[in-house]
Protein backbone atom coordinates (compact mmCIF):
# COMPACT_ATOMS: atom_id res chain seq x y z
CA MET A 1 -11.41 16.81 104.50
CA SER A 2 -14.89 15.37 104.76
CA SER A 3 -16.10 12.55 102.54
CA LYS A 4 -18.62 14.94 100.91
CA ARG A 5 -15.85 17.31 99.83
CA ILE A 6 -13.78 14.43 98.50
CA LEU A 7 -16.78 13.20 96.54
CA LEU A 8 -17.47 16.70 95.16
CA PHE A 9 -13.86 17.25 94.06
CA SER A 10 -13.79 13.78 92.51
CA PHE A 11 -16.96 14.55 90.56
CA LEU A 12 -15.60 17.89 89.33
CA PHE A 13 -12.31 16.27 88.34
CA LEU A 14 -14.20 13.61 86.39
CA ILE A 15 -16.15 16.28 84.49
CA LEU A 16 -12.91 18.11 83.65
CA ALA A 17 -11.22 14.91 82.49
CA VAL A 18 -14.16 13.93 80.27
CA SER A 19 -14.26 17.45 78.80
CA LEU A 20 -10.54 17.34 77.99
CA VAL A 21 -10.88 13.94 76.33
CA TYR A 22 -13.89 15.14 74.30
CA TYR A 23 -11.99 18.27 73.21
CA ALA A 24 -8.99 16.20 72.20
CA LEU A 25 -11.13 13.81 70.18
CA LEU A 26 -12.83 16.65 68.30
CA ASN A 27 -9.83 18.88 67.74
CA VAL A 28 -6.91 16.49 67.50
CA PHE A 29 -7.99 13.01 66.50
CA TYR A 30 -11.22 13.85 64.63
CA ARG A 31 -10.62 17.44 63.66
CA LEU A 32 -13.07 18.79 61.11
CA ARG A 33 -11.59 19.99 57.84
CA ILE A 34 -12.63 23.60 57.24
CA ASP A 35 -10.72 25.04 54.28
CA PRO A 36 -10.73 28.78 53.58
CA ALA A 37 -12.50 29.51 50.29
CA PRO A 38 -10.05 31.22 47.90
CA PRO A 39 -11.09 34.10 45.61
CA GLY A 40 -12.40 32.89 42.26
CA ALA A 41 -13.35 29.43 43.48
CA TYR A 42 -16.53 27.80 42.21
CA VAL A 43 -18.90 27.45 45.16
CA VAL A 44 -21.38 24.58 44.85
CA PRO A 45 -24.77 25.75 46.17
CA TRP A 46 -27.13 23.86 48.44
CA MET A 47 -29.91 22.34 46.32
CA ARG A 48 -31.84 19.21 45.46
CA PRO A 49 -33.06 18.20 41.99
CA ASN A 50 -36.72 18.93 41.40
CA PRO A 51 -38.27 16.57 40.56
CA SER A 52 -36.07 14.15 42.47
CA LEU A 53 -33.83 11.65 40.71
CA GLU A 54 -36.15 8.90 41.95
CA ALA A 55 -39.01 10.60 40.07
CA LEU A 56 -36.89 11.16 36.95
CA ALA A 57 -35.87 7.51 36.89
CA SER A 58 -39.55 6.49 36.81
CA ILE A 59 -40.65 8.89 34.04
CA THR A 60 -42.27 7.04 31.15
CA PRO A 61 -41.29 7.63 27.51
CA ASP A 62 -44.45 9.62 26.73
CA GLN A 63 -43.55 12.08 29.53
CA ARG A 64 -40.16 12.93 28.01
CA PRO A 65 -38.24 15.10 27.63
CA TRP A 66 -37.66 16.52 31.11
CA ASP A 67 -36.08 19.94 31.47
CA ILE A 68 -32.70 19.77 33.17
CA ASN A 69 -32.71 23.56 33.59
CA ALA A 70 -35.76 23.16 35.81
CA VAL A 71 -34.48 20.00 37.50
CA MET A 72 -31.18 21.73 38.42
CA ALA A 73 -32.61 25.25 38.73
CA ASP A 74 -30.53 26.26 41.76
CA ALA A 75 -27.28 24.61 40.68
CA LEU A 76 -23.95 26.15 39.76
CA ARG A 77 -23.80 26.28 35.95
CA LEU A 78 -20.66 26.01 33.85
CA ASN A 79 -21.03 26.97 30.19
CA ILE A 80 -18.41 24.94 28.32
CA THR A 81 -17.64 24.01 24.72
CA PHE A 82 -15.85 20.67 24.62
CA ARG A 83 -13.63 20.08 21.58
CA ILE A 84 -13.25 16.34 21.06
CA PRO A 85 -10.50 15.37 18.58
CA LEU A 86 -11.49 12.54 16.21
CA GLY A 87 -8.47 12.10 13.99
CA ASP A 88 -8.99 14.41 11.01
CA GLN A 89 -11.82 16.38 12.62
CA THR A 90 -12.90 17.91 15.91
CA ARG A 91 -16.41 17.53 17.28
CA MET A 92 -17.58 20.74 18.94
CA VAL A 93 -20.03 20.11 21.79
CA PRO A 94 -21.59 23.20 23.43
CA SER A 95 -22.45 22.08 26.95
CA MET A 96 -23.89 23.14 30.27
CA VAL A 97 -22.63 21.38 33.39
CA TYR A 98 -24.61 21.62 36.64
CA LEU A 99 -23.29 21.13 40.19
CA GLY A 100 -25.23 21.24 43.46
CA HIS A 101 -25.26 19.47 46.82
CA ASP A 102 -27.21 18.73 49.96
CA SER A 103 -25.88 17.14 53.14
CA GLU A 104 -25.67 13.69 51.54
CA TYR A 105 -25.02 14.04 47.80
CA LEU A 106 -23.13 16.01 45.21
CA TYR A 107 -25.45 16.35 42.21
CA VAL A 108 -23.80 16.42 38.78
CA GLY A 109 -25.67 17.13 35.57
CA GLY A 110 -24.85 17.84 31.95
CA ASN A 111 -26.55 18.96 28.75
CA PHE A 112 -24.31 18.11 25.79
CA SER A 113 -25.68 19.61 22.58
CA GLY A 114 -24.95 17.68 19.41
CA ILE A 115 -22.53 15.20 20.97
CA GLY A 116 -24.13 12.38 18.99
CA PRO A 117 -23.37 8.70 19.43
CA ASP A 118 -19.84 7.40 19.76
CA PRO A 119 -18.47 7.54 16.20
CA PHE A 120 -16.80 4.16 16.70
CA SER A 121 -20.09 2.37 17.40
CA ASN A 122 -21.28 -0.29 14.99
CA PRO A 123 -24.31 -2.60 14.69
CA GLN A 124 -22.48 -5.43 16.45
CA ALA A 125 -21.32 -3.41 19.46
CA GLY A 126 -22.05 -0.06 21.00
CA TYR A 127 -19.35 2.09 22.55
CA PRO A 128 -20.31 4.69 25.14
CA ASN A 129 -20.02 8.40 25.45
CA TYR A 130 -18.62 9.30 28.85
CA PHE A 131 -18.66 12.28 31.16
CA THR A 132 -16.06 12.49 33.92
CA ILE A 133 -15.35 14.69 36.94
CA LEU A 134 -11.98 14.37 38.69
CA PHE A 135 -11.03 15.77 42.10
CA ASP A 136 -7.74 16.76 43.71
CA VAL A 137 -9.26 15.91 47.10
CA THR A 138 -6.28 17.04 49.15
CA ASN A 139 -6.05 20.27 47.11
CA SER A 140 -2.29 19.91 47.03
CA GLY A 141 -1.76 20.48 43.31
CA VAL A 142 -0.24 17.01 43.04
CA LEU A 143 -2.37 13.89 42.58
CA THR A 144 -1.69 11.07 45.03
CA PHE A 145 -3.55 7.85 45.85
CA PRO A 146 -6.45 7.61 46.07
CA GLU A 147 -7.91 11.06 45.27
CA ALA A 148 -11.33 10.56 43.62
CA GLY A 149 -13.24 10.67 40.39
CA SER A 150 -16.54 9.68 38.82
CA VAL A 151 -17.24 8.58 35.27
CA MET A 152 -20.75 8.22 33.83
CA SER A 153 -20.83 6.16 30.65
CA VAL A 154 -23.85 6.42 28.35
CA ASP A 155 -24.54 4.23 25.34
CA VAL A 156 -26.85 6.36 23.21
CA SER A 157 -27.24 3.75 20.48
CA PRO A 158 -27.98 0.47 22.29
CA PRO A 159 -28.93 -2.49 20.09
CA GLY A 160 -32.64 -2.54 19.33
CA ALA A 161 -33.40 0.93 20.69
CA ARG A 162 -36.23 2.74 18.94
CA PRO A 163 -37.04 6.45 18.93
CA GLN A 164 -39.81 7.42 21.32
CA PRO A 165 -42.17 10.41 21.05
CA ASN A 166 -40.39 13.72 20.36
CA SER A 167 -37.46 11.70 18.99
CA TRP A 168 -36.13 10.90 22.47
CA ALA A 169 -34.58 7.43 22.68
CA SER A 170 -35.62 5.15 25.52
CA PRO A 171 -34.12 3.27 27.07
CA ILE A 172 -30.54 4.41 26.77
CA ALA A 173 -27.95 2.32 28.53
CA TYR A 174 -25.91 4.12 31.19
CA TRP A 175 -23.71 3.07 34.06
CA TYR A 176 -21.28 4.57 36.53
CA GLN A 177 -17.81 3.78 37.84
CA ASP A 178 -15.58 5.29 40.49
CA LEU A 179 -12.10 6.43 39.55
CA ALA A 180 -8.98 6.73 41.69
CA TRP A 181 -5.50 8.05 41.11
CA GLN A 182 -3.03 5.20 41.28
CA ASN A 183 0.56 6.11 42.13
CA HIS A 184 1.71 3.18 39.99
CA ILE A 185 -0.23 0.80 37.74
CA PRO A 186 1.90 -2.30 37.09
CA ALA A 187 0.20 -3.13 33.78
CA LEU A 188 0.99 0.34 32.45
CA GLY A 189 4.26 1.00 34.20
CA TYR A 190 3.28 4.50 35.31
CA ALA A 191 0.82 6.40 37.48
CA SER A 192 -2.57 7.37 36.11
CA TRP A 193 -6.32 7.49 36.75
CA ASP A 194 -7.91 4.05 36.74
CA PHE A 195 -11.14 2.33 37.73
CA ALA A 196 -11.30 2.16 41.50
CA ASP A 197 -12.99 -1.23 41.84
CA GLY A 198 -9.79 -3.01 40.86
CA TYR A 199 -7.95 -1.56 43.85
CA GLY A 200 -10.10 -2.51 46.81
CA MET A 201 -12.58 0.33 46.33
CA SER A 202 -15.54 -1.76 45.22
CA VAL A 203 -18.21 0.36 46.93
CA CYS A 204 -19.69 2.68 44.29
CA THR A 205 -20.32 6.20 45.50
CA VAL A 206 -23.13 6.78 43.01
CA GLY A 207 -26.71 7.25 44.18
CA LEU A 208 -29.17 7.46 41.28
CA LEU A 209 -28.78 8.26 37.59
CA ALA A 210 -31.07 9.52 34.86
CA GLY A 211 -30.44 10.32 31.22
CA GLU A 212 -32.04 11.15 27.88
CA TYR A 213 -30.85 11.31 24.30
CA ASP A 214 -32.47 13.24 21.44
CA ASN A 215 -32.08 11.34 18.17
CA SER A 216 -32.91 14.37 16.04
CA THR A 217 -30.32 16.76 17.51
CA GLY A 218 -27.80 14.36 19.03
CA THR A 219 -28.22 16.03 22.44
CA LEU A 220 -27.40 14.00 25.56
CA VAL A 221 -28.78 15.01 28.97
CA VAL A 222 -27.58 13.29 32.16
CA VAL A 223 -27.79 13.83 35.90
CA TYR A 224 -26.59 11.71 38.81
CA SER A 225 -25.93 11.90 42.53
CA ARG A 226 -22.61 11.11 44.18
CA HIS A 227 -22.32 10.36 47.91
CA LEU A 228 -20.33 12.91 49.89
CA SER A 229 -19.64 10.21 52.47
CA LEU A 230 -19.91 6.45 52.30
CA ALA A 231 -18.84 3.79 54.79
CA LYS A 232 -15.86 1.58 53.95
CA TYR A 233 -14.40 4.07 51.46
CA TYR A 234 -10.99 5.65 51.57
CA LYS A 235 -11.13 8.66 53.86
CA ASN A 236 -9.43 11.18 51.58
CA SER A 237 -11.42 10.03 48.57
CA LEU A 238 -14.11 12.70 48.89
CA GLN A 239 -15.45 11.57 52.26
CA MET A 240 -16.86 14.69 53.92
CA SER A 241 -18.31 15.01 57.41
CA PRO A 242 -21.10 17.36 58.55
CA GLY A 243 -19.68 20.75 59.48
CA GLU A 244 -16.78 20.59 57.02
CA ARG A 245 -15.83 22.84 54.12
CA TRP A 246 -13.61 21.37 51.44
CA VAL A 247 -11.76 23.17 48.67
CA MET A 248 -10.65 20.83 45.89
CA GLY A 249 -9.14 21.11 42.46
CA PHE A 250 -11.48 19.66 39.86
CA LEU A 251 -11.46 18.80 36.18
CA LEU A 252 -14.24 17.91 33.72
CA GLN A 253 -13.92 15.62 30.72
CA LEU A 254 -16.20 14.55 27.89
CA GLY A 255 -15.37 11.99 25.26
CA PHE A 256 -15.77 8.67 23.48
CA THR A 257 -14.21 5.25 23.54
CA GLY A 258 -13.21 3.30 20.47
CA VAL A 259 -11.75 -0.03 19.43
CA GLY A 260 -8.26 -0.31 20.86
CA SER A 261 -8.44 3.15 22.37
CA SER A 262 -8.02 4.42 25.92
CA TYR A 263 -9.85 7.28 27.61
CA ASN A 264 -7.07 9.77 26.98
CA ILE A 265 -7.43 9.65 23.18
CA TYR A 266 -10.93 10.77 22.20
CA GLN A 267 -11.69 13.26 24.96
CA SER A 268 -11.79 16.95 25.72
CA SER A 269 -11.10 18.46 29.14
CA TRP A 270 -12.08 21.69 30.86
CA PRO A 271 -10.70 24.25 31.59
CA ILE A 272 -7.85 23.23 29.26
CA SER A 273 -8.98 21.15 26.28
CA THR A 274 -6.24 18.51 26.61
CA TYR A 275 -5.22 16.72 29.79
CA PHE A 276 -2.93 13.69 29.73
CA TRP A 277 -4.26 11.09 32.16
CA ALA A 278 -0.76 10.13 33.27
CA SER A 279 0.02 13.63 34.54
CA ASN A 280 -0.24 14.12 38.30
CA ASP A 281 -0.01 17.91 37.99
CA SER A 282 -3.33 19.34 39.18
CA SER A 283 -1.95 22.72 40.22
CA TRP A 284 -3.73 24.45 37.31
CA TRP A 285 -7.15 22.94 38.02
CA PRO A 286 -9.90 25.37 39.10
CA LYS A 287 -11.08 25.21 42.71
CA LEU A 288 -14.40 23.78 43.82
CA VAL A 289 -15.92 24.56 47.23
CA ILE A 290 -18.39 22.25 48.98
CA ASP A 291 -19.46 23.84 52.24
CA LEU A 292 -21.35 21.81 54.85
CA THR A 293 -20.66 24.22 57.72
CA ASN A 294 -23.89 26.22 57.63
CA PRO A 295 -26.80 24.41 55.97
CA PRO A 296 -29.90 26.49 55.16
CA PRO A 297 -32.87 25.74 57.45
CA SER A 298 -34.62 23.70 54.76
CA PHE A 299 -31.61 21.35 54.57
CA SER A 300 -31.04 20.93 58.30
CA THR A 301 -31.57 17.39 59.52
């Protein structure tokens, strides 16, 4: 066999070997997760807030209020009435929750009519309202570490705040924390949802936040962005890759904190009004679909 033939066969063999390695990397070691969307699942549409969250964050008090229905015009909308138990009474909060995504963020918004300030607030200290979304990332029906969650806390009665034009308070104090399911929390002696930063997950997945509170009606409006992928975060804690489609169980919660209380006391969940935070049973949660497999042309990068 001539040297030219040997060289040609060697070159073809090299191409075949590289192709096999590339196929193995894509389909075995780095296989994309593409879940089939079940009937009845909530599909999160492709969208971006308009105006952007950057623009909302820079809006001055005299330009308020902004219209979340316009900001989240193309989002999935969930019409929910949260029923928050407060000892001898229940606070009814008609709400609209908005969900949308692009290739980088999950956008989460809420309009909570008549929620009012935390009833346990006092002039010396303000306690926040909070809005939470929890995910069964593996969609197994059983919560295991780390899963994923987000909680947005909003203090609608910060010390020294004064009503602005149209009765909208500015500024309101709001912040964000990641949540994770812990298979065992030593301080509690059982498994539960807890703040993620205490367990080596110090990188917040939040992008930007914006919020408003109407003093006259007690209506709270919030919207924030949550990264769909972020370096140095646990891989099965809602870390999607381009070209993937994930189906996840999800749960929404709205509530208050109080002196000596924990999050599972003054809160209401959806779709079932009561969910005990120590329960790892997520089999009854509704399904949420985030599909990155076929982005519309306007979202292609």
